[in-house]
Amino acid sequence: MNPMPLGLIAGNGRFPFLALEGARRLGHALTIVAIRDEASPALEAAAAGEPPADLHWVSLGQLGRCIAILRDAGVTRAVMAGQVKHTKLFTGLKPDLTLLKALGRLKTKNTDALISAVADVLSDHGIELENSTTFLQPLLARSGVATRRSLTADEQGDLDFGYRMADVIAGLDVGQTIVVKDRAVVAVEAMEGTDAVITRAGRLAGPGTCVIKVAKPDQDMRFDVPVVGLPTLAAMRAAGATVLSIDADRTLVLDGDQFYAEADTHGLTVVARAGVSS
């Protein structure tokens, strides 16, 4: 990959910081468009590092301004890193004219359809979205059990039971996470996010649950890639969950080796399911 002007559209979490570091290592001239009230204010200091990146704040819904910023910087390729809370797509969205036109094309208003429409508008203006994991390949989950603690027979049974339902729910763009216990689905993620559904499952079923987080069957790696990190493990510990299953090669483990070390410290099992085709 040749160093060239690159756009980074930043949402919440650590993902944008890691993408920034990865792009810098390859020498890209970065222009960051950070979503106000989503991206961390600490991104300002990170952007000021060496070499400095040009950072602009935009409100959710200002797609026209986002495009103008990137085009003024000579950007023809961009990555999306970090999420926007799904509920804000309904309660906090004030679309400009550019986004309104994109929304007018939609037959459904689910997350995939909305972000895909945004990607199409960016492409219409000469800006192609890249795979969001482009700079983070070492952080993609590798297949197999990644922790010292292995699965018990009952836990393996719960995972085998839950995978089919998790894949169907993800394929419907309902959510990417379900929680299972004793061959029963305890909780299904919708818009509340992974940590919240883990917490809810703990209240409903107590300790001993298994968390299954999957990619969509036709996962578009440009956006909404499954992500786990230290907060995921903290939610599991609080809820008494013992197992986390993720999809190999399609899930970002944002804290890398520290994530697995933390799981080992607390006796949690992390397993990455192999052989899931997109």
Protein backbone atom coordinates (compact mmCIF):
# COMPACT_ATOMS: atom_id res chain seq x y z
CA MET A 1 0.00 0.00 0.00
CA ASN A 2 1.52 3.28 -1.06
CA PRO A 3 1.38 6.16 1.42
CA MET A 4 -1.26 8.62 0.24
CA PRO A 5 -3.87 10.98 1.67
CA LEU A 6 -6.31 8.96 3.73
CA GLY A 7 -9.54 9.84 5.48
CA LEU A 8 -10.50 8.48 8.88
CA ILE A 9 -14.16 8.79 9.88
CA ALA A 10 -14.08 8.34 13.64
CA GLY A 11 -16.82 7.13 15.97
CA ASN A 12 -16.59 6.03 19.59
CA GLY A 13 -14.23 3.69 21.41
CA ARG A 14 -10.56 2.81 20.91
CA PHE A 15 -10.92 1.70 17.31
CA PRO A 16 -10.18 5.20 15.83
CA PHE A 17 -7.01 5.54 17.93
CA LEU A 18 -5.72 2.18 16.73
CA ALA A 19 -6.56 2.97 13.11
CA LEU A 20 -4.75 6.31 13.47
CA GLU A 21 -1.63 4.58 14.80
CA GLY A 22 -1.71 1.96 12.04
CA ALA A 23 -2.12 4.52 9.25
CA ARG A 24 0.70 6.61 10.67
CA ARG A 25 3.03 3.63 10.64
CA LEU A 26 2.47 3.39 6.89
CA GLY A 27 3.14 7.09 6.41
CA HIS A 28 -0.31 8.21 5.31
CA ALA A 29 -1.25 11.88 5.43
CA LEU A 30 -4.37 11.68 7.57
CA THR A 31 -7.51 13.76 7.62
CA ILE A 32 -9.79 12.79 10.50
CA VAL A 33 -13.50 13.54 10.49
CA ALA A 34 -14.64 12.93 14.07
CA ILE A 35 -18.32 12.54 14.97
CA ARG A 36 -19.18 15.03 17.70
CA ASP A 37 -20.53 13.46 20.93
CA GLU A 38 -19.30 10.05 19.75
CA ALA A 39 -15.56 10.24 19.12
CA SER A 40 -13.45 10.80 22.23
CA PRO A 41 -12.15 14.34 22.90
CA ALA A 42 -8.78 12.64 23.49
CA LEU A 43 -8.59 12.16 19.73
CA GLU A 44 -7.48 15.82 19.55
CA ALA A 45 -4.25 15.04 21.40
CA ALA A 46 -3.70 11.84 19.42
CA ALA A 47 -4.11 13.72 16.14
CA ALA A 48 -1.53 16.28 17.27
CA GLY A 49 1.16 13.60 17.54
CA GLU A 50 3.88 12.97 14.98
CA PRO A 51 3.23 13.27 12.18
CA PRO A 52 0.20 15.43 12.97
CA ALA A 53 -3.18 14.61 11.45
CA ASP A 54 -5.72 17.19 10.36
CA LEU A 55 -8.81 16.76 12.57
CA HIS A 56 -12.29 18.16 12.00
CA TRP A 57 -15.41 17.72 14.15
CA VAL A 58 -18.79 17.24 12.50
CA SER A 59 -22.22 16.54 13.91
CA LEU A 60 -23.97 13.27 13.17
CA GLY A 61 -25.85 13.79 9.93
CA GLN A 62 -23.47 16.30 8.34
CA LEU A 63 -22.53 14.05 5.46
CA GLY A 64 -22.09 16.93 3.01
CA ARG A 65 -19.58 18.62 5.30
CA CYS A 66 -17.74 15.33 5.81
CA ILE A 67 -17.41 14.90 2.05
CA ALA A 68 -16.27 18.50 1.55
CA ILE A 69 -13.56 18.14 4.22
CA LEU A 70 -12.21 14.94 2.68
CA ARG A 71 -12.30 16.24 -0.89
CA ASP A 72 -10.55 19.49 0.11
CA ALA A 73 -7.76 17.32 1.57
CA GLY A 74 -7.41 15.35 -1.67
CA VAL A 75 -8.71 12.16 -0.05
CA THR A 76 -9.95 9.41 -2.36
CA ARG A 77 -9.83 6.56 0.19
CA ALA A 78 -11.20 6.48 3.73
CA VAL A 79 -11.84 4.08 6.58
CA MET A 80 -14.62 4.10 9.17
CA ALA A 81 -13.41 3.28 12.67
CA GLY A 82 -15.52 3.21 15.80
CA GLN A 83 -19.24 2.92 16.18
CA VAL A 84 -22.08 5.37 16.47
CA LYS A 85 -24.67 4.35 19.02
CA HIS A 86 -27.44 2.77 16.98
CA THR A 87 -30.16 4.56 18.93
CA LYS A 88 -28.74 7.91 17.78
CA LEU A 89 -29.52 6.98 14.21
CA PHE A 90 -33.16 7.45 15.21
CA THR A 91 -33.15 9.99 18.04
CA GLY A 92 -30.06 12.12 17.44
CA LEU A 93 -29.87 12.34 13.65
CA LYS A 94 -30.30 15.74 12.01
CA PRO A 95 -29.54 14.98 8.38
CA ASP A 96 -28.25 17.60 5.99
CA LEU A 97 -29.43 17.71 2.38
CA THR A 98 -26.77 15.22 1.22
CA LEU A 99 -27.77 12.64 3.82
CA LEU A 100 -31.48 13.29 3.24
CA LYS A 101 -31.02 12.33 -0.41
CA ALA A 102 -29.25 9.13 0.66
CA LEU A 103 -32.01 8.30 3.14
CA GLY A 104 -34.58 8.80 0.43
CA ARG A 105 -33.15 5.82 -1.45
CA LEU A 106 -33.60 3.42 1.44
CA LYS A 107 -36.28 0.77 1.55
CA THR A 108 -35.37 -0.13 5.13
CA LYS A 109 -33.79 1.96 7.89
CA ASN A 110 -31.60 -0.67 9.52
CA THR A 111 -27.96 0.07 10.32
CA ASP A 112 -26.48 -1.84 7.39
CA ALA A 113 -28.74 -0.14 4.87
CA LEU A 114 -28.02 3.31 6.26
CA ILE A 115 -24.23 2.97 6.38
CA SER A 116 -24.18 1.27 2.98
CA ALA A 117 -26.08 4.25 1.57
CA VAL A 118 -23.50 6.60 3.10
CA ALA A 119 -20.73 4.53 1.50
CA ASP A 120 -22.48 4.83 -1.87
CA VAL A 121 -22.71 8.62 -1.54
CA LEU A 122 -19.02 8.83 -0.62
CA SER A 123 -18.22 6.74 -3.69
CA ASP A 124 -20.33 9.05 -5.86
CA HIS A 125 -18.04 11.86 -4.72
CA GLY A 126 -14.84 9.93 -5.48
CA ILE A 127 -14.16 8.63 -1.95
CA GLU A 128 -13.98 4.85 -1.60
CA LEU A 129 -14.38 3.20 1.80
CA GLU A 130 -11.66 0.68 2.60
CA ASN A 131 -11.85 -2.40 4.82
CA SER A 132 -12.00 -0.94 8.33
CA THR A 133 -9.45 -3.49 9.59
CA THR A 134 -6.87 -2.54 6.94
CA PHE A 135 -4.36 -1.29 9.52
CA LEU A 136 -5.30 -3.71 12.28
CA GLN A 137 -4.80 -7.18 10.83
CA PRO A 138 -2.78 -8.40 13.89
CA LEU A 139 -5.81 -7.64 16.08
CA LEU A 140 -8.21 -9.91 14.18
CA ALA A 141 -9.14 -12.98 16.22
CA ARG A 142 -7.38 -16.20 15.27
CA SER A 143 -9.26 -19.48 15.35
CA GLY A 144 -9.32 -21.75 18.38
CA VAL A 145 -9.32 -21.37 22.15
CA ALA A 146 -7.18 -18.33 22.95
CA THR A 147 -7.12 -18.65 26.74
CA ARG A 148 -5.73 -21.12 29.28
CA ARG A 149 -9.16 -22.25 30.38
CA SER A 150 -10.80 -24.62 27.89
CA LEU A 151 -14.49 -25.17 27.30
CA THR A 152 -16.40 -27.64 29.40
CA ALA A 153 -18.65 -30.11 27.61
CA ASP A 154 -21.73 -28.17 28.74
CA GLU A 155 -20.28 -24.87 27.48
CA GLN A 156 -19.42 -26.42 24.12
CA GLY A 157 -22.98 -27.69 23.94
CA ASP A 158 -24.32 -24.21 24.63
CA LEU A 159 -22.16 -22.76 21.85
CA ASP A 160 -23.20 -25.44 19.37
CA PHE A 161 -26.82 -24.73 20.30
CA GLY A 162 -26.46 -20.97 19.98
CA TYR A 163 -24.47 -20.53 16.77
CA ARG A 164 -27.36 -21.20 14.40
CA MET A 165 -29.63 -18.68 16.10
CA ALA A 166 -26.88 -16.08 16.45
CA ASP A 167 -26.11 -16.34 12.73
CA VAL A 168 -29.78 -15.95 11.78
CA ILE A 169 -30.28 -12.93 14.06
CA ALA A 170 -27.10 -11.28 12.73
CA GLY A 171 -28.21 -11.99 9.17
CA LEU A 172 -31.44 -10.15 9.86
CA ASP A 173 -29.38 -7.17 11.13
CA VAL A 174 -31.06 -7.39 14.54
CA GLY A 175 -27.84 -7.72 16.52
CA GLN A 176 -24.56 -9.61 16.60
CA THR A 177 -24.67 -11.04 20.12
CA ILE A 178 -26.79 -13.58 21.97
CA VAL A 179 -26.32 -15.03 25.46
CA VAL A 180 -27.05 -18.70 26.12
CA LYS A 181 -27.34 -20.88 29.22
CA ASP A 182 -28.39 -24.54 29.52
CA ARG A 183 -29.35 -24.71 25.81
CA ALA A 184 -31.67 -21.73 26.11
CA VAL A 185 -31.30 -18.24 24.65
CA VAL A 186 -31.30 -15.86 27.61
CA ALA A 187 -30.90 -12.53 25.80
CA VAL A 188 -30.61 -11.16 22.27
CA GLU A 189 -28.82 -7.94 21.37
CA ALA A 190 -30.77 -5.27 19.55
CA MET A 191 -29.70 -1.61 19.67
CA GLU A 192 -28.40 -1.56 23.25
CA GLY A 193 -24.97 -3.00 22.43
CA THR A 194 -22.96 -6.01 23.55
CA ASP A 195 -22.11 -4.95 27.09
CA ALA A 196 -25.72 -4.07 27.88
CA VAL A 197 -27.07 -7.41 26.64
CA ILE A 198 -24.46 -9.27 28.72
CA THR A 199 -25.55 -7.30 31.79
CA ARG A 200 -29.22 -8.02 31.09
CA ALA A 201 -28.49 -11.75 30.69
CA GLY A 202 -26.75 -11.78 34.07
CA ARG A 203 -29.84 -10.31 35.70
CA LEU A 204 -32.11 -12.83 34.00
CA ALA A 205 -30.14 -16.06 34.33
CA GLY A 206 -27.38 -15.49 36.87
CA PRO A 207 -23.84 -16.83 36.46
CA GLY A 208 -22.69 -19.46 34.00
CA THR A 209 -23.84 -17.89 30.74
CA CYS A 210 -22.04 -18.11 27.39
CA VAL A 211 -21.76 -15.03 25.17
CA ILE A 212 -21.79 -15.59 21.41
CA LYS A 213 -20.82 -12.64 19.21
CA VAL A 214 -20.84 -13.27 15.48
CA ALA A 215 -20.22 -11.44 12.24
CA LYS A 216 -23.07 -11.15 9.80
CA PRO A 217 -23.21 -13.95 7.22
CA ASP A 218 -22.43 -11.39 4.50
CA GLN A 219 -20.35 -9.12 6.75
CA ASP A 220 -19.18 -5.96 4.97
CA MET A 221 -15.72 -5.42 6.45
CA ARG A 222 -15.88 -1.72 5.64
CA PHE A 223 -18.16 -1.00 8.59
CA ASP A 224 -19.89 -2.40 11.70
CA VAL A 225 -17.22 -5.09 12.13
CA PRO A 226 -17.65 -7.04 15.40
CA VAL A 227 -15.42 -5.63 18.13
CA VAL A 228 -14.55 -6.83 21.63
CA GLY A 229 -12.25 -5.36 24.25
CA LEU A 230 -11.58 -5.07 27.96
CA PRO A 231 -15.05 -3.57 28.65
CA THR A 232 -16.56 -6.76 27.21
CA LEU A 233 -14.66 -8.84 29.76
CA ALA A 234 -15.64 -6.46 32.58
CA ALA A 235 -19.32 -6.87 31.64
CA MET A 236 -18.90 -10.65 31.57
CA ARG A 237 -17.29 -10.73 35.02
CA ALA A 238 -20.03 -8.58 36.50
CA ALA A 239 -22.71 -10.82 34.96
CA GLY A 240 -20.99 -14.10 35.85
CA ALA A 241 -20.55 -15.13 32.19
CA THR A 242 -17.80 -17.71 31.70
CA VAL A 243 -17.34 -17.98 27.92
CA LEU A 244 -17.03 -15.58 25.01
CA SER A 245 -17.18 -16.93 21.46
CA ILE A 246 -16.22 -14.66 18.55
CA ASP A 247 -15.68 -15.28 14.84
CA ALA A 248 -12.10 -15.81 13.68
CA ASP A 249 -10.72 -13.38 11.08
CA ARG A 250 -13.83 -11.18 11.28
CA THR A 251 -13.71 -9.88 14.88
CA LEU A 252 -11.36 -7.17 16.15
CA VAL A 253 -9.87 -7.73 19.61
CA LEU A 254 -9.00 -4.12 20.37
CA ASP A 255 -6.75 -4.71 23.35
CA GLY A 256 -4.74 -7.50 21.74
CA ASP A 257 -2.66 -9.64 24.09
CA GLN A 258 -3.86 -7.67 27.11
CA PHE A 259 -7.40 -8.84 26.37
CA TYR A 260 -6.44 -12.51 26.52
CA ALA A 261 -4.25 -11.98 29.58
CA GLU A 262 -7.16 -10.32 31.38
CA ALA A 263 -9.44 -13.23 30.46
CA ASP A 264 -6.85 -15.65 31.87
CA THR A 265 -6.55 -13.65 35.08
CA HIS A 266 -10.27 -14.04 35.73
CA GLY A 267 -10.64 -17.61 34.49
CA LEU A 268 -12.71 -16.74 31.43
CA THR A 269 -12.65 -18.69 28.18
CA VAL A 270 -12.35 -16.93 24.82
CA VAL A 271 -12.78 -19.02 21.70
CA ALA A 272 -12.76 -17.91 18.06
CA ARG A 273 -14.98 -19.92 15.72
CA ALA A 274 -13.25 -20.88 12.49
CA GLY A 275 -14.57 -21.51 9.01
CA VAL A 276 -17.30 -18.87 8.85
CA SER A 277 -17.50 -17.67 5.27
CA SER A 278 -18.64 -14.19 4.29
